[in-house]
Amino acid sequence: MRNTKLVTLEEAIHRSGLRDGMTISFHHHFRGGDKVVNMVVAKLAEMGFKDLHLAASSLSDVHAPLIEHIKNGVITKISTSGLRGELANEISHGLMKEPVVFRSHGGRGSAIASGELHIDVAFLGASSCDELGNASGCPRSENAKSICGSLGYALPDARYADYVVVLTDDLVAYPNVPKSISACEVDSVVVVDSVGDSTKISSGAIRDSKNPRDILLAKLAAKVIINSGYFTDGFSIQTGTGGASLAAVKYIRESMLEKGIKASFALGGITAHMVKLHEEGLIEKLIDVQSFDKVAAESIAHDQLHQEVSAIEYASANYMGSAVHALDIVILSALEVDVNFNVNVLVGSDGIIRGAVGGHPDTAEDSALSIIVCPLLRGRIPCIVPKVTTLITPGKGVDVVVTEYGIAVNPGRPLVKQRLLDAGVQLTDINDLAAKARSIIGEPDPLPFGDQVVGIVMDRNGGVLDKIYNIVD
């Protein structure tokens, strides 16, 4: 097949019409194994580009090479959901003149669709692609090198970017079906040695845990769910990636079997835990915006009831058809929760950015029941505090906070509180949890923040929710 879409990366960049000052975008489905961002930005630096706006769905430890590109003026603006590792540390200390703009996954989808976040050129890694540009996160040949499963965070970029470049390490015969990204949305196809290391898509926050505290938290979270009034046949659920959130699935499963209850769907980043329940017939459908491990990535490749969904269809506040509007229960983790039930999942207790907004505020606000699971303390660091360091998820969307020292229910949810009390679940006041944390570790010293704004946190509707200031050592 003769097709002029198949070009080198440099030729694709030339064809895109990219100029200094424009916006380039990437997805993070390979997470810690991503190779596309560093590869593309290195090529752009080599070609002499400056003053670019990098709009990635998220950035992680592997993207530390961006530090030099920021220092050299290749990248001067960043929009993302999260930052981790050395890059996050440097930005927290004031590396960039322009503050990083943080959006939730649903907020990013909405911003792209509305044009608030306009993408000039999208560079999207795919596990397989044909010469016309039909791309997928699943391998389609024996020569496949990578697998990431769902490409949900790349779909808005593919649809709305002015120019779309797909990079793949598995060029397959036309037509590549089933496809995630249509050839009609793709302008250039670039074959590279590797787009990502599949073994690292489950790195970072996604972890199983045998920690006794996590197990206790999981049991308590499951107890809340089972007695909340929302644990009925046909309920829907999403879990976060922390150890306690994942472990809670085990105890929910036991109760589902005991009571003969099945879930209609599981949503969000899908893990092997959810795939297991689906294959056992306990969850009818999986709606997958990001496959969080190899088992989930392989499942979406062959199971018609395991469906990929775009970030917009997943969690955008402005689209009533987004899946979060039909979500019953979500279990989420937190770095901090304050006495007003506000949550921080982005900035550590040391003032360093070390996480991601993700879908946290999207799912908390729109679900029928949102449960935050976190310990009272992490080492000598309090997790229940008078006021969060950075506001990410407003307390109005948080219903229950579960710690190993007690369970607190938002006063705005009296019916949930009464149901739990009627079931014999012991509850406490969140102010008492914060006081307990202070009684154990004392009053922490104030963080040495400077006066430079290094991050701006946007709410789901495009307004400014909070600002992050530089940390001074």
Protein backbone atom coordinates (compact mmCIF):
# COMPACT_ATOMS: atom_id res chain seq x y z
CA MET A 1 0.00 0.00 0.00
CA ARG A 2 1.36 3.38 -0.97
CA ASN A 3 0.61 5.94 1.69
CA THR A 4 2.26 9.30 2.33
CA LYS A 5 1.21 9.28 5.99
CA LEU A 6 4.11 6.96 6.82
CA VAL A 7 7.07 9.27 7.53
CA THR A 8 9.96 9.87 9.91
CA LEU A 9 9.39 11.81 13.12
CA GLU A 10 11.27 14.80 11.74
CA GLU A 11 9.21 14.81 8.55
CA ALA A 12 5.98 14.51 10.58
CA ILE A 13 7.01 17.57 12.59
CA HIS A 14 7.76 19.51 9.41
CA ARG A 15 4.41 18.53 7.90
CA SER A 16 2.53 19.51 11.05
CA GLY A 17 3.43 23.17 10.65
CA LEU A 18 4.58 23.32 14.26
CA ARG A 19 6.09 26.68 15.19
CA ASP A 20 7.63 28.21 18.28
CA GLY A 21 5.04 29.04 20.92
CA MET A 22 2.58 26.33 19.89
CA THR A 23 1.01 23.56 22.01
CA ILE A 24 1.97 19.91 21.75
CA SER A 25 0.19 17.10 23.58
CA PHE A 26 0.86 13.57 24.81
CA HIS A 27 -0.92 10.83 26.73
CA HIS A 28 0.36 8.83 29.71
CA HIS A 29 -1.04 5.35 29.14
CA PHE A 30 2.44 3.81 29.40
CA ARG A 31 2.89 5.64 32.71
CA GLY A 32 6.40 4.95 34.07
CA GLY A 33 7.29 3.13 30.86
CA ASP A 34 6.50 5.99 28.48
CA LYS A 35 9.13 6.74 25.85
CA VAL A 36 7.23 9.06 23.52
CA VAL A 37 7.44 12.35 25.44
CA ASN A 38 11.21 12.28 25.88
CA MET A 39 11.76 11.05 22.32
CA VAL A 40 9.65 13.73 20.70
CA VAL A 41 10.83 16.64 22.84
CA ALA A 42 14.47 15.64 22.24
CA LYS A 43 13.81 15.75 18.49
CA LEU A 44 12.10 19.14 18.80
CA ALA A 45 15.10 20.47 20.73
CA GLU A 46 17.43 19.11 18.05
CA MET A 47 15.35 20.90 15.40
CA GLY A 48 15.64 24.19 17.27
CA PHE A 49 12.10 24.70 18.56
CA LYS A 50 11.55 27.08 21.48
CA ASP A 51 8.79 28.31 23.77
CA LEU A 52 6.54 25.25 23.40
CA HIS A 53 3.55 24.48 25.61
CA LEU A 54 3.59 20.80 26.62
CA ALA A 55 0.06 19.56 27.37
CA ALA A 56 0.32 15.99 28.65
CA SER A 57 -2.48 14.06 30.32
CA SER A 58 0.08 13.33 33.07
CA LEU A 59 3.85 13.28 33.65
CA SER A 60 5.90 10.98 35.86
CA ASP A 61 9.39 10.10 37.08
CA VAL A 62 10.50 8.95 33.63
CA HIS A 63 10.12 12.47 32.25
CA ALA A 64 13.05 13.95 34.19
CA PRO A 65 14.86 14.77 30.89
CA LEU A 66 12.31 17.56 30.42
CA ILE A 67 14.22 19.52 33.06
CA GLU A 68 17.00 20.35 30.60
CA HIS A 69 14.51 21.22 27.88
CA ILE A 70 12.84 23.65 30.28
CA LYS A 71 16.19 25.21 31.20
CA ASN A 72 17.06 25.57 27.52
CA GLY A 73 13.77 27.23 26.65
CA VAL A 74 12.34 24.44 24.49
CA ILE A 75 9.45 23.97 26.93
CA THR A 76 8.17 27.11 28.69
CA LYS A 77 4.64 26.03 29.66
CA ILE A 78 3.15 22.77 30.94
CA SER A 79 -0.46 21.66 31.36
CA THR A 80 -1.03 18.29 32.99
CA SER A 81 -2.90 16.30 35.59
CA GLY A 82 0.17 15.31 37.57
CA LEU A 83 3.92 15.56 38.12
CA ARG A 84 6.25 13.19 39.89
CA GLY A 85 9.90 12.58 40.60
CA GLU A 86 12.81 14.88 39.83
CA LEU A 87 10.79 16.98 37.38
CA ALA A 88 8.15 17.68 40.02
CA ASN A 89 10.82 18.49 42.60
CA GLU A 90 12.53 21.00 40.33
CA ILE A 91 9.24 22.66 39.38
CA SER A 92 8.25 22.83 43.05
CA HIS A 93 11.44 24.78 43.67
CA GLY A 94 10.67 27.33 40.96
CA LEU A 95 12.21 25.89 37.78
CA MET A 96 9.61 27.41 35.45
CA LYS A 97 8.65 31.06 35.02
CA GLU A 98 5.13 30.07 33.96
CA PRO A 99 3.13 28.08 36.56
CA VAL A 100 2.09 24.57 35.60
CA VAL A 101 -1.66 24.31 34.99
CA PHE A 102 -3.22 21.26 36.66
CA ARG A 103 -6.56 19.88 35.48
CA SER A 104 -8.50 16.77 36.38
CA HIS A 105 -8.91 14.17 33.67
CA GLY A 106 -12.48 15.24 33.07
CA GLY A 107 -11.48 18.89 33.22
CA ARG A 108 -8.76 18.36 30.62
CA GLY A 109 -11.22 16.61 28.31
CA SER A 110 -13.68 19.49 28.63
CA ALA A 111 -10.95 22.10 28.10
CA ILE A 112 -9.79 20.39 24.91
CA ALA A 113 -13.32 20.04 23.55
CA SER A 114 -14.20 23.68 24.30
CA GLY A 115 -10.97 25.04 22.83
CA GLU A 116 -9.79 26.42 26.17
CA LEU A 117 -6.84 24.03 25.80
CA HIS A 118 -6.11 24.22 22.09
CA ILE A 119 -3.72 21.55 20.80
CA ASP A 120 -1.71 22.35 17.69
CA VAL A 121 0.05 18.98 17.34
CA ALA A 122 -0.70 15.76 19.23
CA PHE A 123 1.98 13.07 19.46
CA LEU A 124 0.24 9.85 20.46
CA GLY A 125 1.95 6.54 21.16
CA ALA A 126 0.07 3.41 20.03
CA SER A 127 0.72 -0.28 20.56
CA SER A 128 -0.30 -0.93 16.95
CA CYS A 129 -1.15 1.13 13.89
CA ASP A 130 -1.64 0.60 10.17
CA GLU A 131 -0.24 2.84 7.43
CA LEU A 132 -3.40 4.91 7.22
CA GLY A 133 -3.38 5.67 10.93
CA ASN A 134 -5.93 3.31 12.51
CA ALA A 135 -4.36 2.98 15.96
CA SER A 136 -4.89 0.88 19.07
CA GLY A 137 -3.42 0.39 22.52
CA CYS A 138 -3.46 -3.35 21.88
CA PRO A 139 -0.90 -5.32 19.84
CA ARG A 140 -2.12 -6.90 16.60
CA SER A 141 0.86 -8.93 15.39
CA GLU A 142 3.49 -11.38 16.53
CA ASN A 143 6.03 -8.56 16.33
CA ALA A 144 4.23 -6.51 18.98
CA LYS A 145 6.52 -4.87 21.50
CA SER A 146 4.13 -2.94 23.70
CA ILE A 147 0.65 -2.99 25.16
CA CYS A 148 -1.16 -0.32 27.12
CA GLY A 149 -4.82 -1.23 26.53
CA SER A 150 -7.22 1.70 26.61
CA LEU A 151 -6.18 4.95 24.92
CA GLY A 152 -8.93 6.92 26.64
CA TYR A 153 -6.80 9.94 27.49
CA ALA A 154 -5.49 10.19 23.94
CA LEU A 155 -8.92 10.22 22.29
CA PRO A 156 -9.77 13.90 22.93
CA ASP A 157 -6.35 14.88 21.55
CA ALA A 158 -6.90 12.77 18.43
CA ARG A 159 -10.32 14.30 17.87
CA TYR A 160 -9.57 17.97 18.49
CA ALA A 161 -5.87 18.58 17.73
CA ASP A 162 -5.08 20.46 14.53
CA TYR A 163 -2.53 17.82 13.53
CA VAL A 164 -2.18 14.28 14.87
CA VAL A 165 0.97 12.15 14.76
CA VAL A 166 0.73 8.51 15.83
CA LEU A 167 3.97 6.83 16.88
CA THR A 168 4.02 3.03 16.98
CA ASP A 169 6.44 0.14 17.26
CA ASP A 170 4.01 -2.31 15.64
CA LEU A 171 3.06 -1.36 12.09
CA VAL A 172 0.36 -3.81 10.96
CA ALA A 173 -1.50 -4.49 7.75
CA TYR A 174 -4.54 -2.36 6.95
CA PRO A 175 -7.12 -2.39 8.47
CA ASN A 176 -6.04 -2.40 12.10
CA VAL A 177 -9.25 -3.47 13.83
CA PRO A 178 -10.68 -2.96 16.30
CA LYS A 179 -9.22 0.52 16.46
CA SER A 180 -9.14 3.16 19.17
CA ILE A 181 -8.12 6.10 16.99
CA SER A 182 -9.52 6.37 13.46
CA ALA A 183 -7.31 6.96 10.44
CA CYS A 184 -9.59 9.89 9.64
CA GLU A 185 -8.16 11.72 12.65
CA VAL A 186 -4.49 10.90 11.96
CA ASP A 187 -2.23 12.97 9.72
CA SER A 188 1.12 11.16 10.05
CA VAL A 189 2.32 7.73 11.19
CA VAL A 190 5.83 7.28 12.57
CA VAL A 191 7.41 3.88 13.24
CA VAL A 192 9.88 3.87 16.14
CA ASP A 193 11.85 1.22 18.01
CA SER A 194 9.68 1.42 21.11
CA VAL A 195 6.82 3.60 22.34
CA GLY A 196 6.82 2.25 25.86
CA ASP A 197 7.73 -0.41 28.37
CA SER A 198 4.55 -2.33 29.14
CA THR A 199 5.97 -3.75 32.36
CA LYS A 200 5.91 -0.27 33.91
CA ILE A 201 2.28 0.70 33.32
CA SER A 202 1.44 -0.63 36.78
CA SER A 203 4.24 1.27 38.52
CA GLY A 204 3.88 4.10 40.98
CA ALA A 205 0.63 4.42 42.88
CA ILE A 206 -0.87 1.16 41.63
CA ARG A 207 -0.01 -1.51 44.14
CA ASP A 208 -1.34 -4.45 46.01
CA SER A 209 -0.67 -4.34 49.71
CA LYS A 210 -0.10 -6.81 52.50
CA ASN A 211 0.37 -4.00 54.99
CA PRO A 212 -1.85 -4.72 58.03
CA ARG A 213 -2.97 -1.10 58.15
CA ASP A 214 -4.04 -1.17 54.50
CA ILE A 215 -5.94 -4.38 55.11
CA LEU A 216 -7.73 -2.81 58.08
CA LEU A 217 -8.61 0.27 56.04
CA ALA A 218 -9.88 -1.96 53.23
CA LYS A 219 -12.14 -3.89 55.60
CA LEU A 220 -13.53 -0.66 57.05
CA ALA A 221 -14.14 0.80 53.58
CA ALA A 222 -15.94 -2.37 52.53
CA LYS A 223 -18.06 -2.20 55.68
CA VAL A 224 -19.09 1.36 54.80
CA ILE A 225 -20.00 0.35 51.25
CA ILE A 226 -21.99 -2.71 52.28
CA ASN A 227 -24.06 -0.72 54.79
CA SER A 228 -24.36 2.55 52.88
CA GLY A 229 -27.61 1.80 51.10
CA TYR A 230 -25.90 1.89 47.70
CA PHE A 231 -24.70 -1.69 47.79
CA THR A 232 -27.66 -3.16 45.90
CA ASP A 233 -27.99 -5.37 42.86
CA GLY A 234 -26.88 -3.42 39.78
CA PHE A 235 -24.68 -0.91 41.63
CA SER A 236 -21.65 0.62 39.88
CA ILE A 237 -18.18 1.22 41.31
CA GLN A 238 -14.76 2.76 40.77
CA THR A 239 -11.70 2.21 42.94
CA GLY A 240 -8.55 4.24 43.25
CA THR A 241 -5.04 2.86 42.89
CA GLY A 242 -3.84 2.85 46.50
CA GLY A 243 -3.26 -0.40 48.35
CA ALA A 244 -6.28 -0.05 50.65
CA SER A 245 -8.60 0.90 47.78
CA LEU A 246 -7.57 -2.13 45.76
CA ALA A 247 -7.75 -4.45 48.76
CA ALA A 248 -11.31 -3.29 49.49
CA VAL A 249 -12.40 -5.04 46.28
CA LYS A 250 -11.57 -8.40 47.88
CA TYR A 251 -13.96 -7.82 50.77
CA ILE A 252 -16.68 -6.38 48.54
CA ARG A 253 -16.40 -9.51 46.41
CA GLU A 254 -16.98 -11.75 49.41
CA SER A 255 -20.14 -9.86 50.30
CA MET A 256 -21.35 -9.88 46.69
CA LEU A 257 -21.07 -13.65 46.61
CA GLU A 258 -22.76 -13.98 49.99
CA LYS A 259 -25.68 -11.68 49.13
CA GLY A 260 -26.01 -12.64 45.46
CA ILE A 261 -25.35 -9.07 44.34
CA LYS A 262 -23.84 -8.15 40.98
CA ALA A 263 -22.52 -4.82 39.74
CA SER A 264 -23.68 -3.31 36.47
CA PHE A 265 -20.29 -1.78 35.66
CA ALA A 266 -16.89 -0.82 37.00
CA LEU A 267 -15.41 2.45 35.81
CA GLY A 268 -12.13 4.30 35.45
CA GLY A 269 -8.65 2.88 35.51
CA ILE A 270 -9.32 -0.84 35.28
CA THR A 271 -7.12 -3.31 37.16
CA ALA A 272 -6.71 -7.08 37.27
CA HIS A 273 -8.94 -7.07 40.37
CA MET A 274 -11.87 -5.71 38.38
CA VAL A 275 -11.17 -8.01 35.45
CA LYS A 276 -11.36 -10.97 37.82
CA LEU A 277 -14.75 -9.92 39.17
CA HIS A 278 -15.97 -9.34 35.62
CA GLU A 279 -14.81 -12.78 34.48
CA GLU A 280 -16.51 -14.31 37.52
CA GLY A 281 -19.77 -12.69 36.45
CA LEU A 282 -19.87 -10.31 39.43
CA ILE A 283 -19.41 -7.18 37.27
CA GLU A 284 -21.32 -7.09 34.01
CA LYS A 285 -19.28 -4.48 32.11
CA LEU A 286 -15.96 -2.67 32.41
CA ILE A 287 -15.70 0.95 31.24
CA ASP A 288 -11.99 1.61 30.85
CA VAL A 289 -10.35 5.01 30.43
CA GLN A 290 -6.92 3.61 31.35
CA SER A 291 -5.76 0.02 31.72
CA PHE A 292 -3.74 -0.04 34.92
CA ASP A 293 -1.94 -3.33 34.41
CA LYS A 294 -1.19 -5.97 31.78
CA VAL A 295 -4.17 -8.13 32.73
CA ALA A 296 -6.56 -5.24 32.08
CA ALA A 297 -4.76 -4.31 28.87
CA GLU A 298 -5.07 -7.87 27.57
CA SER A 299 -8.72 -8.09 28.63
CA ILE A 300 -9.79 -5.04 26.63
CA ALA A 301 -8.21 -6.57 23.53
CA HIS A 302 -10.64 -9.50 23.38
CA ASP A 303 -13.64 -8.86 25.64
CA GLN A 304 -16.51 -6.95 24.03
CA LEU A 305 -17.96 -6.10 27.45
CA HIS A 306 -14.68 -4.42 28.42
CA GLN A 307 -15.05 -1.09 26.64
CA GLU A 308 -12.67 1.79 26.07
CA VAL A 309 -14.00 5.26 26.87
CA SER A 310 -12.52 8.70 26.18
CA ALA A 311 -11.66 11.11 28.99
CA ILE A 312 -14.62 13.24 27.95
CA GLU A 313 -17.05 10.33 28.08
CA TYR A 314 -15.45 9.23 31.34
CA ALA A 315 -15.57 12.29 33.54
CA SER A 316 -16.28 15.66 31.94
CA ALA A 317 -18.61 17.78 34.06
CA ASN A 318 -20.01 19.56 31.01
CA TYR A 319 -21.29 16.40 29.32
CA MET A 320 -24.29 14.73 30.96
CA GLY A 321 -23.47 11.58 29.01
CA SER A 322 -20.19 11.12 30.84
CA ALA A 323 -19.99 7.91 32.84
CA VAL A 324 -19.33 9.52 36.23
CA HIS A 325 -22.92 10.76 36.25
CA ALA A 326 -24.05 7.13 36.48
CA LEU A 327 -21.48 6.14 39.11
CA ASP A 328 -22.78 4.92 42.47
CA ILE A 329 -19.68 4.27 44.59
CA VAL A 330 -16.08 5.46 44.34
CA ILE A 331 -13.21 4.58 46.69
CA LEU A 332 -10.35 7.09 46.59
CA SER A 333 -7.11 7.70 48.43
CA ALA A 334 -5.63 10.99 49.68
CA LEU A 335 -2.44 12.65 50.85
CA GLU A 336 -4.46 14.92 53.15
CA VAL A 337 -8.07 15.46 54.19
CA ASP A 338 -9.06 18.47 56.28
CA VAL A 339 -11.84 19.03 58.80
CA ASN A 340 -14.08 20.40 56.03
CA PHE A 341 -13.60 17.17 54.04
CA ASN A 342 -11.46 18.93 51.41
CA VAL A 343 -8.86 16.61 49.86
CA ASN A 344 -5.31 17.05 48.62
CA VAL A 345 -3.81 14.40 46.33
CA LEU A 346 -1.18 16.54 44.60
CA VAL A 347 1.23 18.27 46.99
CA GLY A 348 3.10 16.42 49.72
CA SER A 349 3.40 17.49 53.35
CA ASP A 350 6.84 18.87 52.45
CA GLY A 351 5.36 21.21 49.84
CA ILE A 352 6.71 19.18 46.92
CA ILE A 353 4.39 18.21 44.07
CA ARG A 354 4.31 14.42 44.06
CA GLY A 355 1.04 13.18 42.62
CA ALA A 356 -1.79 13.81 40.21
CA VAL A 357 -5.25 15.31 40.25
CA GLY A 358 -6.42 12.44 38.04
CA GLY A 359 -10.14 11.75 38.14
CA HIS A 360 -10.33 12.39 41.89
CA PRO A 361 -12.55 15.52 41.89
CA ASP A 362 -14.56 14.25 38.91
CA THR A 363 -15.62 11.00 40.53
CA ALA A 364 -16.00 12.42 44.05
CA GLU A 365 -18.40 15.12 42.91
CA ASP A 366 -20.56 13.08 40.56
CA SER A 367 -20.76 9.71 42.32
CA ALA A 368 -23.62 8.91 44.67
CA LEU A 369 -21.18 7.87 47.42
CA SER A 370 -17.52 8.94 47.60
CA ILE A 371 -15.27 7.30 50.18
CA ILE A 372 -11.78 8.58 50.97
CA VAL A 373 -9.48 5.97 52.48
CA CYS A 374 -6.29 7.15 54.16
CA PRO A 375 -4.31 6.52 57.35
CA LEU A 376 -4.41 9.04 60.19
CA LEU A 377 -0.63 9.37 59.91
CA ARG A 378 2.06 8.42 57.42
CA GLY A 379 5.13 8.07 59.57
CA ARG A 380 5.27 11.39 61.41
CA ILE A 381 3.06 13.14 58.86
CA PRO A 382 -0.62 13.81 59.63
CA CYS A 383 -3.14 12.95 56.91
CA ILE A 384 -6.17 14.42 58.70
CA VAL A 385 -5.39 18.12 59.10
CA PRO A 386 -7.09 21.43 59.94
CA LYS A 387 -6.56 22.66 56.36
CA VAL A 388 -5.16 20.89 53.30
CA THR A 389 -1.91 22.15 51.79
CA THR A 390 -3.50 22.32 48.34
CA LEU A 391 -7.19 22.02 47.53
CA ILE A 392 -7.86 19.43 44.83
CA THR A 393 -11.25 17.92 45.67
CA PRO A 394 -13.72 20.24 47.46
CA GLY A 395 -15.33 18.76 50.56
CA LYS A 396 -18.86 19.13 49.16
CA GLY A 397 -18.13 16.09 46.99
CA VAL A 398 -16.67 13.91 49.75
CA ASP A 399 -19.09 11.78 51.74
CA VAL A 400 -17.09 9.47 54.03
CA VAL A 401 -13.49 9.45 55.30
CA VAL A 402 -12.12 6.12 56.53
CA THR A 403 -9.05 5.95 58.77
CA GLU A 404 -7.74 3.25 61.08
CA TYR A 405 -8.72 5.49 64.02
CA GLY A 406 -12.28 5.99 62.94
CA ILE A 407 -14.81 6.71 60.21
CA ALA A 408 -16.19 10.22 59.68
CA VAL A 409 -19.27 11.10 57.61
CA ASN A 410 -19.75 14.49 55.99
CA PRO A 411 -22.52 16.36 57.88
CA GLY A 412 -24.10 17.01 54.51
CA ARG A 413 -24.90 13.29 54.22
CA PRO A 414 -27.17 12.60 57.23
CA LEU A 415 -28.93 9.68 55.55
CA VAL A 416 -25.64 7.86 54.94
CA LYS A 417 -24.64 8.54 58.54
CA GLN A 418 -27.91 7.14 59.87
CA ARG A 419 -27.69 4.01 57.72
CA LEU A 420 -24.20 3.29 59.02
CA LEU A 421 -25.22 3.89 62.62
CA ASP A 422 -28.24 1.62 62.20
CA ALA A 423 -25.89 -1.09 60.92
CA GLY A 424 -23.71 -0.77 64.01
CA VAL A 425 -20.83 1.00 62.28
CA GLN A 426 -18.97 3.11 64.82
CA LEU A 427 -18.47 6.70 63.64
CA THR A 428 -16.42 9.64 64.82
CA ASP A 429 -16.16 13.36 64.12
CA ILE A 430 -13.50 14.42 61.62
CA ASN A 431 -12.40 17.20 63.99
CA ASP A 432 -11.62 14.51 66.57
CA LEU A 433 -9.50 12.68 63.99
CA ALA A 434 -7.52 15.83 63.28
CA ALA A 435 -7.08 16.41 67.03
CA LYS A 436 -5.93 12.81 67.49
CA ALA A 437 -3.29 13.25 64.80
CA ARG A 438 -2.01 16.44 66.46
CA SER A 439 -1.93 14.76 69.88
CA ILE A 440 0.38 12.06 68.51
CA ILE A 441 2.83 14.16 66.50
CA GLY A 442 2.31 17.69 67.77
CA GLU A 443 1.85 20.80 65.65
CA PRO A 444 3.87 20.61 62.40
CA ASP A 445 6.10 23.54 61.50
CA PRO A 446 4.71 25.76 58.74
CA LEU A 447 6.02 24.97 55.28
CA PRO A 448 8.64 27.40 53.89
CA PHE A 449 6.68 28.54 50.84
CA GLY A 450 8.02 31.38 48.72
CA ASP A 451 6.03 33.92 46.74
CA GLN A 452 6.40 32.37 43.27
CA VAL A 453 3.33 30.60 41.91
CA VAL A 454 4.56 27.31 40.45
CA GLY A 455 1.19 25.68 39.88
CA ILE A 456 -2.42 26.62 39.27
CA VAL A 457 -5.12 24.07 40.07
CA MET A 458 -8.20 24.41 37.88
CA ASP A 459 -11.62 23.22 38.93
CA ARG A 460 -13.73 20.98 36.72
CA ASN A 461 -15.46 23.94 35.09
CA GLY A 462 -12.34 25.90 34.17
CA GLY A 463 -12.08 28.21 37.19
CA VAL A 464 -9.04 28.56 39.46
CA LEU A 465 -9.40 26.35 42.53
CA ASP A 466 -6.03 26.89 44.24
CA LYS A 467 -2.44 28.00 43.67
CA ILE A 468 0.78 26.19 44.51
CA TYR A 469 3.77 28.25 45.66
CA ASN A 470 7.45 27.40 45.40
CA ILE A 471 9.08 25.66 48.31
CA VAL A 472 12.23 27.22 49.77
CA ASP A 473 14.84 24.87 51.23
